[in-house]
Amino acid sequence: MPRPSFASVALPHLDAAYNLARWLLRDATEAEDAVQDALLRALKYFPSFRGGDGRAWLLQIVRNAAYDRLATKHGKEIALSLDDGEASPADFVHDPGDDPETALVRKQDRAQLDALLASLPVELREAVVLCDLEELSYRDIALITGSPVGTVMSRLWRGRRALRRAARAGEL
């Protein structure tokens, strides 16, 4: 069987890569830069790719690139102003049947979800985004984060619990 090309392994997962980087870095421009860095790393080390799940492989590289950017350029997490005009990943999902009132309610719900997710500590946010938004398995999340599956499950439970509490309390 011929070896897959870099394009066939990595490129289908660019949206997931950007989504993860954006949630980790909390800045669209930084996320774009992190994905670009990750793709250069992935291309450089592609000869050592042993096959398997290309999505998990690429997201692990993106995660490392994002954390490297946080550590070297900022020393702390980058703050995100939710009113900066940046599009949320959810903004690209549009139901053409929505009337203006329904569209406004959906937009407000997305903004609330974005704010709630952004309020989570990075390790909880990362687990929730990878599982609930990117629909990865616990095993894949464990591979990407370098954590045991039990730790992934615990972070998901704590992250979801924090989201429920914040939503009930009306915190944004």
N, C-alpha and C. Protein backbone atom coordinates (compact mmCIF):
# COMPACT_ATOMS: atom_id res chain seq x y z
N MET A 1 0.85 -1.18 0.00
CA MET A 1 0.00 0.00 0.00
C MET A 1 0.89 1.24 0.00
N PRO A 2 0.63 2.20 -0.89
CA PRO A 2 1.48 3.39 -0.96
C PRO A 2 1.31 4.27 0.29
N ARG A 3 2.37 4.94 0.62
CA ARG A 3 2.37 5.84 1.77
C ARG A 3 1.49 7.05 1.47
N PRO A 4 0.64 7.47 2.43
CA PRO A 4 -0.21 8.64 2.17
C PRO A 4 0.62 9.92 2.08
N SER A 5 0.10 10.87 1.36
CA SER A 5 0.79 12.16 1.22
C SER A 5 0.50 13.03 2.44
N PHE A 6 1.37 14.01 2.64
CA PHE A 6 1.16 14.95 3.74
C PHE A 6 -0.17 15.66 3.58
N ALA A 7 -0.49 16.06 2.36
CA ALA A 7 -1.75 16.77 2.11
C ALA A 7 -2.95 15.92 2.49
N SER A 8 -2.92 14.65 2.18
CA SER A 8 -4.07 13.79 2.48
C SER A 8 -4.19 13.50 3.97
N VAL A 9 -3.10 13.57 4.70
CA VAL A 9 -3.14 13.31 6.14
C VAL A 9 -3.48 14.57 6.93
N ALA A 10 -2.88 15.71 6.59
CA ALA A 10 -3.00 16.91 7.42
C ALA A 10 -4.09 17.89 6.97
N LEU A 11 -4.19 18.13 5.70
CA LEU A 11 -5.06 19.20 5.22
C LEU A 11 -6.55 19.02 5.54
N PRO A 12 -7.08 17.81 5.56
CA PRO A 12 -8.50 17.68 5.91
C PRO A 12 -8.82 18.13 7.34
N HIS A 13 -7.81 18.30 8.17
CA HIS A 13 -8.03 18.61 9.58
C HIS A 13 -7.64 20.05 9.95
N LEU A 14 -7.49 20.91 8.95
CA LEU A 14 -7.09 22.29 9.22
C LEU A 14 -8.13 23.04 10.05
N ASP A 15 -9.41 22.82 9.79
CA ASP A 15 -10.44 23.51 10.58
C ASP A 15 -10.36 23.10 12.05
N ALA A 16 -10.20 21.82 12.30
CA ALA A 16 -10.08 21.34 13.69
C ALA A 16 -8.82 21.90 14.33
N ALA A 17 -7.74 21.99 13.56
CA ALA A 17 -6.48 22.52 14.08
C ALA A 17 -6.64 23.98 14.48
N TYR A 18 -7.26 24.78 13.61
CA TYR A 18 -7.48 26.19 13.93
C TYR A 18 -8.41 26.34 15.13
N ASN A 19 -9.47 25.54 15.17
CA ASN A 19 -10.42 25.61 16.27
C ASN A 19 -9.73 25.34 17.60
N LEU A 20 -8.91 24.29 17.65
CA LEU A 20 -8.19 23.98 18.90
C LEU A 20 -7.23 25.11 19.26
N ALA A 21 -6.47 25.58 18.31
CA ALA A 21 -5.51 26.66 18.59
C ALA A 21 -6.22 27.92 19.07
N ARG A 22 -7.35 28.24 18.47
CA ARG A 22 -8.08 29.44 18.87
C ARG A 22 -8.58 29.32 20.31
N TRP A 23 -9.08 28.16 20.66
CA TRP A 23 -9.57 28.00 22.03
C TRP A 23 -8.43 27.98 23.05
N LEU A 24 -7.30 27.44 22.67
CA LEU A 24 -6.18 27.41 23.62
C LEU A 24 -5.54 28.79 23.76
N LEU A 25 -5.35 29.48 22.65
CA LEU A 25 -4.67 30.77 22.68
C LEU A 25 -5.61 31.93 22.92
N ARG A 26 -6.88 31.73 22.62
CA ARG A 26 -7.91 32.75 22.82
C ARG A 26 -7.64 34.01 22.01
N ASP A 27 -7.03 33.82 20.83
CA ASP A 27 -6.74 34.93 19.93
C ASP A 27 -6.65 34.38 18.52
N ALA A 28 -7.41 34.94 17.61
CA ALA A 28 -7.49 34.41 16.25
C ALA A 28 -6.16 34.51 15.51
N THR A 29 -5.48 35.63 15.64
CA THR A 29 -4.21 35.81 14.93
C THR A 29 -3.15 34.86 15.48
N GLU A 30 -3.08 34.76 16.78
CA GLU A 30 -2.12 33.83 17.39
C GLU A 30 -2.44 32.40 16.97
N ALA A 31 -3.73 32.07 16.88
CA ALA A 31 -4.13 30.72 16.47
C ALA A 31 -3.67 30.43 15.05
N GLU A 32 -3.84 31.40 14.16
CA GLU A 32 -3.37 31.21 12.78
C GLU A 32 -1.87 30.97 12.74
N ASP A 33 -1.13 31.74 13.52
CA ASP A 33 0.32 31.57 13.57
C ASP A 33 0.70 30.20 14.15
N ALA A 34 -0.01 29.78 15.18
CA ALA A 34 0.28 28.48 15.80
C ALA A 34 -0.01 27.34 14.83
N VAL A 35 -1.08 27.45 14.08
CA VAL A 35 -1.40 26.41 13.09
C VAL A 35 -0.33 26.38 12.00
N GLN A 36 0.11 27.56 11.58
CA GLN A 36 1.17 27.61 10.57
C GLN A 36 2.45 26.96 11.11
N ASP A 37 2.83 27.29 12.35
CA ASP A 37 4.00 26.67 12.98
C ASP A 37 3.83 25.16 13.05
N ALA A 38 2.63 24.73 13.44
CA ALA A 38 2.36 23.30 13.58
C ALA A 38 2.46 22.59 12.23
N LEU A 39 1.94 23.21 11.19
CA LEU A 39 2.02 22.58 9.87
C LEU A 39 3.46 22.46 9.39
N LEU A 40 4.28 23.47 9.69
CA LEU A 40 5.70 23.37 9.33
C LEU A 40 6.37 22.23 10.09
N ARG A 41 6.05 22.11 11.39
CA ARG A 41 6.60 20.99 12.18
C ARG A 41 6.11 19.66 11.63
N ALA A 42 4.81 19.60 11.34
CA ALA A 42 4.23 18.34 10.84
C ALA A 42 4.89 17.95 9.51
N LEU A 43 5.09 18.91 8.64
CA LEU A 43 5.73 18.62 7.36
C LEU A 43 7.16 18.14 7.56
N LYS A 44 7.86 18.78 8.47
CA LYS A 44 9.25 18.40 8.74
C LYS A 44 9.34 16.97 9.27
N TYR A 45 8.41 16.61 10.15
CA TYR A 45 8.46 15.29 10.79
C TYR A 45 7.53 14.27 10.13
N PHE A 46 6.94 14.61 9.01
CA PHE A 46 6.03 13.69 8.34
C PHE A 46 6.68 12.36 7.97
N PRO A 47 7.95 12.35 7.60
CA PRO A 47 8.56 11.04 7.30
C PRO A 47 8.51 10.06 8.49
N SER A 48 8.41 10.57 9.71
CA SER A 48 8.33 9.67 10.86
C SER A 48 6.89 9.30 11.23
N PHE A 49 5.91 9.85 10.50
CA PHE A 49 4.50 9.51 10.74
C PHE A 49 4.30 8.04 10.39
N ARG A 50 3.78 7.28 11.35
CA ARG A 50 3.64 5.84 11.18
C ARG A 50 2.24 5.42 10.72
N GLY A 51 1.45 6.35 10.28
CA GLY A 51 0.09 6.03 9.89
C GLY A 51 -0.84 6.19 11.08
N GLY A 52 -2.03 5.73 10.94
CA GLY A 52 -2.99 5.87 12.02
C GLY A 52 -3.86 7.11 11.83
N ASP A 53 -4.30 7.66 12.92
CA ASP A 53 -5.23 8.78 12.89
C ASP A 53 -4.48 10.09 12.64
N GLY A 54 -4.60 10.61 11.44
CA GLY A 54 -3.93 11.85 11.08
C GLY A 54 -4.46 13.03 11.85
N ARG A 55 -5.74 13.01 12.21
CA ARG A 55 -6.34 14.12 12.96
C ARG A 55 -5.71 14.23 14.35
N ALA A 56 -5.64 13.12 15.05
CA ALA A 56 -5.04 13.13 16.40
C ALA A 56 -3.57 13.53 16.32
N TRP A 57 -2.86 13.03 15.31
CA TRP A 57 -1.45 13.37 15.14
C TRP A 57 -1.27 14.86 14.94
N LEU A 58 -2.07 15.45 14.03
CA LEU A 58 -1.94 16.88 13.76
C LEU A 58 -2.37 17.72 14.96
N LEU A 59 -3.46 17.35 15.61
CA LEU A 59 -3.92 18.14 16.76
C LEU A 59 -2.93 18.11 17.91
N GLN A 60 -2.21 17.02 18.06
CA GLN A 60 -1.17 16.96 19.09
C GLN A 60 -0.06 17.97 18.76
N ILE A 61 0.30 18.07 17.52
CA ILE A 61 1.33 19.02 17.10
C ILE A 61 0.82 20.45 17.27
N VAL A 62 -0.43 20.69 16.91
CA VAL A 62 -1.03 22.03 17.08
C VAL A 62 -1.06 22.40 18.56
N ARG A 63 -1.46 21.47 19.40
CA ARG A 63 -1.50 21.73 20.86
C ARG A 63 -0.11 22.13 21.36
N ASN A 64 0.91 21.38 20.95
CA ASN A 64 2.27 21.70 21.38
C ASN A 64 2.71 23.07 20.87
N ALA A 65 2.37 23.37 19.63
CA ALA A 65 2.74 24.69 19.06
C ALA A 65 2.03 25.81 19.81
N ALA A 66 0.77 25.60 20.14
CA ALA A 66 0.01 26.63 20.88
C ALA A 66 0.62 26.85 22.26
N TYR A 67 0.93 25.78 22.96
CA TYR A 67 1.52 25.94 24.29
C TYR A 67 2.92 26.55 24.21
N ASP A 68 3.67 26.22 23.17
CA ASP A 68 4.98 26.86 22.98
C ASP A 68 4.82 28.37 22.80
N ARG A 69 3.82 28.78 22.03
CA ARG A 69 3.58 30.22 21.82
C ARG A 69 3.21 30.89 23.13
N LEU A 70 2.39 30.23 23.92
CA LEU A 70 2.01 30.81 25.22
C LEU A 70 3.23 30.97 26.12
N ALA A 71 4.05 29.95 26.15
CA ALA A 71 5.20 29.96 27.05
C ALA A 71 6.28 30.94 26.62
N THR A 72 6.59 30.99 25.34
CA THR A 72 7.72 31.81 24.90
C THR A 72 7.38 33.26 24.64
N LYS A 73 6.20 33.52 24.09
CA LYS A 73 5.88 34.90 23.72
C LYS A 73 5.16 35.67 24.80
N HIS A 74 4.44 34.96 25.64
CA HIS A 74 3.58 35.69 26.56
C HIS A 74 3.80 35.34 28.02
N GLY A 75 4.27 34.16 28.29
CA GLY A 75 4.48 33.77 29.67
C GLY A 75 3.19 33.53 30.43
N LYS A 76 2.09 33.86 29.83
CA LYS A 76 0.78 33.62 30.43
C LYS A 76 -0.24 33.54 29.32
N GLU A 77 -1.46 33.18 29.68
CA GLU A 77 -2.51 33.07 28.69
C GLU A 77 -2.84 34.41 28.07
N ILE A 78 -3.14 34.41 26.80
CA ILE A 78 -3.52 35.62 26.08
C ILE A 78 -4.98 35.92 26.39
N ALA A 79 -5.28 37.16 26.71
CA ALA A 79 -6.67 37.54 26.99
C ALA A 79 -7.40 37.75 25.68
N LEU A 80 -8.66 37.37 25.66
CA LEU A 80 -9.49 37.54 24.47
C LEU A 80 -10.66 38.42 24.82
N SER A 81 -10.82 39.46 24.07
CA SER A 81 -12.01 40.29 24.20
C SER A 81 -13.06 39.68 23.31
N LEU A 82 -14.16 39.25 23.88
CA LEU A 82 -15.20 38.62 23.09
C LEU A 82 -15.93 39.61 22.21
N ASP A 83 -15.68 40.90 22.40
CA ASP A 83 -16.31 41.93 21.58
C ASP A 83 -15.34 42.48 20.55
N ASP A 84 -14.33 41.69 20.18
CA ASP A 84 -13.31 42.19 19.27
C ASP A 84 -13.68 42.02 17.80
N GLY A 85 -14.89 41.57 17.55
CA GLY A 85 -15.33 41.41 16.17
C GLY A 85 -14.89 40.10 15.54
N GLU A 86 -14.18 39.27 16.28
CA GLU A 86 -13.74 37.99 15.75
C GLU A 86 -14.92 37.04 15.63
N ALA A 87 -14.92 36.25 14.61
CA ALA A 87 -15.98 35.26 14.42
C ALA A 87 -15.72 34.05 15.29
N SER A 88 -16.77 33.57 15.89
CA SER A 88 -16.71 32.33 16.65
C SER A 88 -16.80 31.19 15.65
N PRO A 89 -16.21 30.02 15.97
CA PRO A 89 -16.38 28.89 15.06
C PRO A 89 -17.85 28.58 14.81
N ALA A 90 -18.69 28.83 15.80
CA ALA A 90 -20.11 28.56 15.64
C ALA A 90 -20.78 29.56 14.69
N ASP A 91 -20.16 30.70 14.44
CA ASP A 91 -20.75 31.70 13.55
C ASP A 91 -20.83 31.24 12.10
N PHE A 92 -20.08 30.21 11.76
CA PHE A 92 -20.08 29.74 10.39
C PHE A 92 -21.20 28.76 10.10
N VAL A 93 -21.94 28.38 11.14
CA VAL A 93 -23.09 27.50 10.97
C VAL A 93 -24.31 28.40 10.85
N HIS A 94 -24.98 28.32 9.73
CA HIS A 94 -26.11 29.20 9.48
C HIS A 94 -27.30 28.39 9.02
N ASP A 95 -28.44 28.65 9.59
CA ASP A 95 -29.69 28.03 9.16
C ASP A 95 -30.44 29.07 8.33
N PRO A 96 -30.52 28.86 7.02
CA PRO A 96 -31.16 29.86 6.18
C PRO A 96 -32.64 30.04 6.51
N GLY A 97 -33.23 29.12 7.28
CA GLY A 97 -34.64 29.23 7.62
C GLY A 97 -34.90 30.09 8.84
N ASP A 98 -33.87 30.58 9.50
CA ASP A 98 -34.07 31.39 10.71
C ASP A 98 -34.65 32.75 10.36
N ASP A 99 -35.64 33.14 11.15
CA ASP A 99 -36.12 34.50 11.02
C ASP A 99 -35.18 35.39 11.84
N PRO A 100 -35.25 36.70 11.72
CA PRO A 100 -34.30 37.58 12.42
C PRO A 100 -34.29 37.38 13.94
N GLU A 101 -35.44 37.17 14.55
CA GLU A 101 -35.48 36.98 16.01
C GLU A 101 -34.78 35.69 16.42
N THR A 102 -35.04 34.61 15.70
CA THR A 102 -34.40 33.33 16.00
C THR A 102 -32.89 33.44 15.78
N ALA A 103 -32.50 34.10 14.71
CA ALA A 103 -31.08 34.29 14.44
C ALA A 103 -30.40 35.06 15.56
N LEU A 104 -31.06 36.08 16.09
CA LEU A 104 -30.50 36.85 17.19
C LEU A 104 -30.35 35.99 18.44
N VAL A 105 -31.37 35.19 18.75
CA VAL A 105 -31.31 34.31 19.92
C VAL A 105 -30.17 33.32 19.77
N ARG A 106 -30.02 32.73 18.58
CA ARG A 106 -28.92 31.78 18.35
C ARG A 106 -27.56 32.47 18.51
N LYS A 107 -27.45 33.68 17.99
CA LYS A 107 -26.18 34.41 18.11
C LYS A 107 -25.87 34.70 19.58
N GLN A 108 -26.87 35.07 20.36
CA GLN A 108 -26.68 35.33 21.79
C GLN A 108 -26.29 34.04 22.52
N ASP A 109 -26.92 32.93 22.15
CA ASP A 109 -26.57 31.64 22.76
C ASP A 109 -25.12 31.27 22.45
N ARG A 110 -24.70 31.49 21.20
CA ARG A 110 -23.31 31.18 20.82
C ARG A 110 -22.35 32.08 21.58
N ALA A 111 -22.70 33.34 21.73
CA ALA A 111 -21.82 34.26 22.48
C ALA A 111 -21.72 33.83 23.93
N GLN A 112 -22.83 33.40 24.51
CA GLN A 112 -22.80 32.93 25.89
C GLN A 112 -21.94 31.68 26.02
N LEU A 113 -22.10 30.74 25.09
CA LEU A 113 -21.28 29.52 25.12
C LEU A 113 -19.80 29.87 24.96
N ASP A 114 -19.49 30.76 24.03
CA ASP A 114 -18.09 31.19 23.85
C ASP A 114 -17.53 31.77 25.14
N ALA A 115 -18.31 32.62 25.80
CA ALA A 115 -17.85 33.25 27.03
C ALA A 115 -17.67 32.21 28.14
N LEU A 116 -18.60 31.28 28.24
CA LEU A 116 -18.49 30.24 29.26
C LEU A 116 -17.27 29.36 29.02
N LEU A 117 -17.05 28.95 27.78
CA LEU A 117 -15.87 28.15 27.46
C LEU A 117 -14.58 28.92 27.73
N ALA A 118 -14.56 30.18 27.37
CA ALA A 118 -13.37 31.00 27.58
C ALA A 118 -13.05 31.17 29.05
N SER A 119 -14.07 31.05 29.90
CA SER A 119 -13.84 31.23 31.34
C SER A 119 -13.23 30.00 32.01
N LEU A 120 -13.24 28.86 31.32
CA LEU A 120 -12.68 27.65 31.91
C LEU A 120 -11.16 27.70 31.94
N PRO A 121 -10.54 27.06 32.94
CA PRO A 121 -9.08 26.90 32.90
C PRO A 121 -8.68 26.15 31.63
N VAL A 122 -7.51 26.43 31.12
CA VAL A 122 -7.10 25.93 29.80
C VAL A 122 -7.17 24.41 29.70
N GLU A 123 -6.79 23.66 30.74
CA GLU A 123 -6.80 22.20 30.62
C GLU A 123 -8.23 21.65 30.55
N LEU A 124 -9.18 22.31 31.20
CA LEU A 124 -10.58 21.89 31.12
C LEU A 124 -11.18 22.32 29.78
N ARG A 125 -10.87 23.53 29.35
CA ARG A 125 -11.37 24.04 28.07
C ARG A 125 -10.88 23.15 26.93
N GLU A 126 -9.61 22.77 27.00
CA GLU A 126 -9.01 21.92 25.97
C GLU A 126 -9.77 20.59 25.87
N ALA A 127 -10.04 19.96 27.00
CA ALA A 127 -10.74 18.68 27.00
C ALA A 127 -12.16 18.82 26.45
N VAL A 128 -12.87 19.85 26.87
CA VAL A 128 -14.25 20.06 26.41
C VAL A 128 -14.27 20.35 24.91
N VAL A 129 -13.38 21.19 24.44
CA VAL A 129 -13.34 21.52 23.01
C VAL A 129 -13.02 20.27 22.19
N LEU A 130 -12.02 19.50 22.59
CA LEU A 130 -11.65 18.32 21.83
C LEU A 130 -12.75 17.26 21.83
N CYS A 131 -13.44 17.09 22.94
CA CYS A 131 -14.48 16.07 23.02
C CYS A 131 -15.80 16.55 22.44
N ASP A 132 -16.29 17.67 22.92
CA ASP A 132 -17.65 18.09 22.59
C ASP A 132 -17.75 18.88 21.30
N LEU A 133 -16.72 19.61 20.92
CA LEU A 133 -16.77 20.36 19.67
C LEU A 133 -16.10 19.60 18.53
N GLU A 134 -14.97 18.98 18.81
CA GLU A 134 -14.25 18.25 17.76
C GLU A 134 -14.64 16.77 17.71
N GLU A 135 -15.41 16.31 18.69
CA GLU A 135 -15.95 14.95 18.74
C GLU A 135 -14.87 13.88 18.69
N LEU A 136 -13.77 14.11 19.40
CA LEU A 136 -12.71 13.10 19.47
C LEU A 136 -13.00 12.14 20.62
N SER A 137 -12.48 10.94 20.50
CA SER A 137 -12.65 9.94 21.56
C SER A 137 -11.74 10.26 22.74
N TYR A 138 -12.05 9.68 23.89
CA TYR A 138 -11.20 9.87 25.06
C TYR A 138 -9.77 9.42 24.76
N ARG A 139 -9.64 8.31 24.03
CA ARG A 139 -8.31 7.79 23.70
C ARG A 139 -7.53 8.79 22.85
N ASP A 140 -8.19 9.38 21.86
CA ASP A 140 -7.52 10.37 21.02
C ASP A 140 -7.14 11.62 21.81
N ILE A 141 -8.02 12.05 22.69
CA ILE A 141 -7.72 13.22 23.52
C ILE A 141 -6.53 12.92 24.43
N ALA A 142 -6.50 11.72 24.98
CA ALA A 142 -5.37 11.32 25.82
C ALA A 142 -4.07 11.34 25.02
N LEU A 143 -4.13 10.87 23.79
CA LEU A 143 -2.95 10.89 22.92
C LEU A 143 -2.50 12.31 22.63
N ILE A 144 -3.45 13.19 22.31
CA ILE A 144 -3.12 14.57 21.98
C ILE A 144 -2.54 15.32 23.17
N THR A 145 -3.14 15.14 24.34
CA THR A 145 -2.71 15.89 25.52
C THR A 145 -1.59 15.22 26.30
N GLY A 146 -1.32 13.96 25.99
CA GLY A 146 -0.28 13.24 26.73
C GLY A 146 -0.71 12.92 28.15
N SER A 147 -2.02 12.78 28.35
CA SER A 147 -2.59 12.50 29.67
C SER A 147 -3.24 11.13 29.66
N PRO A 148 -3.33 10.49 30.83
CA PRO A 148 -4.06 9.23 30.89
C PRO A 148 -5.54 9.44 30.59
N VAL A 149 -6.22 8.40 30.10
CA VAL A 149 -7.63 8.49 29.76
C VAL A 149 -8.45 8.91 30.99
N GLY A 150 -8.09 8.42 32.16
CA GLY A 150 -8.79 8.81 33.39
C GLY A 150 -8.70 10.30 33.66
N THR A 151 -7.56 10.89 33.38
CA THR A 151 -7.40 12.33 33.55
C THR A 151 -8.26 13.09 32.56
N VAL A 152 -8.33 12.60 31.33
CA VAL A 152 -9.19 13.22 30.31
C VAL A 152 -10.64 13.18 30.79
N MET A 153 -11.08 12.03 31.28
CA MET A 153 -12.45 11.89 31.75
C MET A 153 -12.73 12.83 32.92
N SER A 154 -11.77 12.94 33.82
CA SER A 154 -11.93 13.84 34.97
C SER A 154 -12.00 15.29 34.53
N ARG A 155 -11.16 15.68 33.59
CA ARG A 155 -11.18 17.07 33.10
C ARG A 155 -12.49 17.37 32.39
N LEU A 156 -13.00 16.42 31.63
CA LEU A 156 -14.29 16.61 30.97
C LEU A 156 -15.40 16.78 31.99
N TRP A 157 -15.40 15.93 32.98
CA TRP A 157 -16.44 16.02 34.01
C TRP A 157 -16.37 17.36 34.73
N ARG A 158 -15.16 17.78 35.12
CA ARG A 158 -15.01 19.05 35.83
C ARG A 158 -15.35 20.23 34.92
N GLY A 159 -14.95 20.17 33.66
CA GLY A 159 -15.25 21.25 32.72
C GLY A 159 -16.73 21.38 32.46
N ARG A 160 -17.39 20.26 32.23
CA ARG A 160 -18.83 20.29 31.99
C ARG A 160 -19.59 20.76 33.22
N ARG A 161 -19.14 20.32 34.39
CA ARG A 161 -19.79 20.76 35.64
C ARG A 161 -19.63 22.26 35.81
N ALA A 162 -18.43 22.79 35.53
CA ALA A 162 -18.20 24.23 35.65
C ALA A 162 -19.07 25.00 34.65
N LEU A 163 -19.22 24.47 33.44
CA LEU A 163 -20.08 25.12 32.44
C LEU A 163 -21.54 25.14 32.90
N ARG A 164 -22.02 24.02 33.44
CA ARG A 164 -23.40 23.97 33.93
C ARG A 164 -23.61 24.96 35.07
N ARG A 165 -22.69 24.98 36.01
CA ARG A 165 -22.81 25.91 37.15
C ARG A 165 -22.81 27.36 36.68
N ALA A 166 -21.91 27.70 35.79
CA ALA A 166 -21.82 29.07 35.30
C ALA A 166 -23.08 29.44 34.51
N ALA A 167 -23.59 28.51 33.72
CA ALA A 167 -24.80 28.78 32.95
C ALA A 167 -26.00 28.99 33.88
N ARG A 168 -26.10 28.17 34.90
CA ARG A 168 -27.20 28.33 35.87
C ARG A 168 -27.10 29.64 36.62
N ALA A 169 -25.88 30.03 36.94
CA ALA A 169 -25.67 31.26 37.70
C ALA A 169 -25.76 32.51 36.81
N GLY A 170 -25.80 32.29 35.50
CA GLY A 170 -25.88 33.42 34.58
C GLY A 170 -24.58 34.18 34.44
N GLU A 171 -23.46 33.52 34.79
CA GLU A 171 -22.15 34.17 34.70
C GLU A 171 -21.69 34.20 33.26
N LEU A 172 -21.11 35.30 32.89
CA LEU A 172 -20.51 35.42 31.55
C LEU A 172 -19.14 36.01 31.65
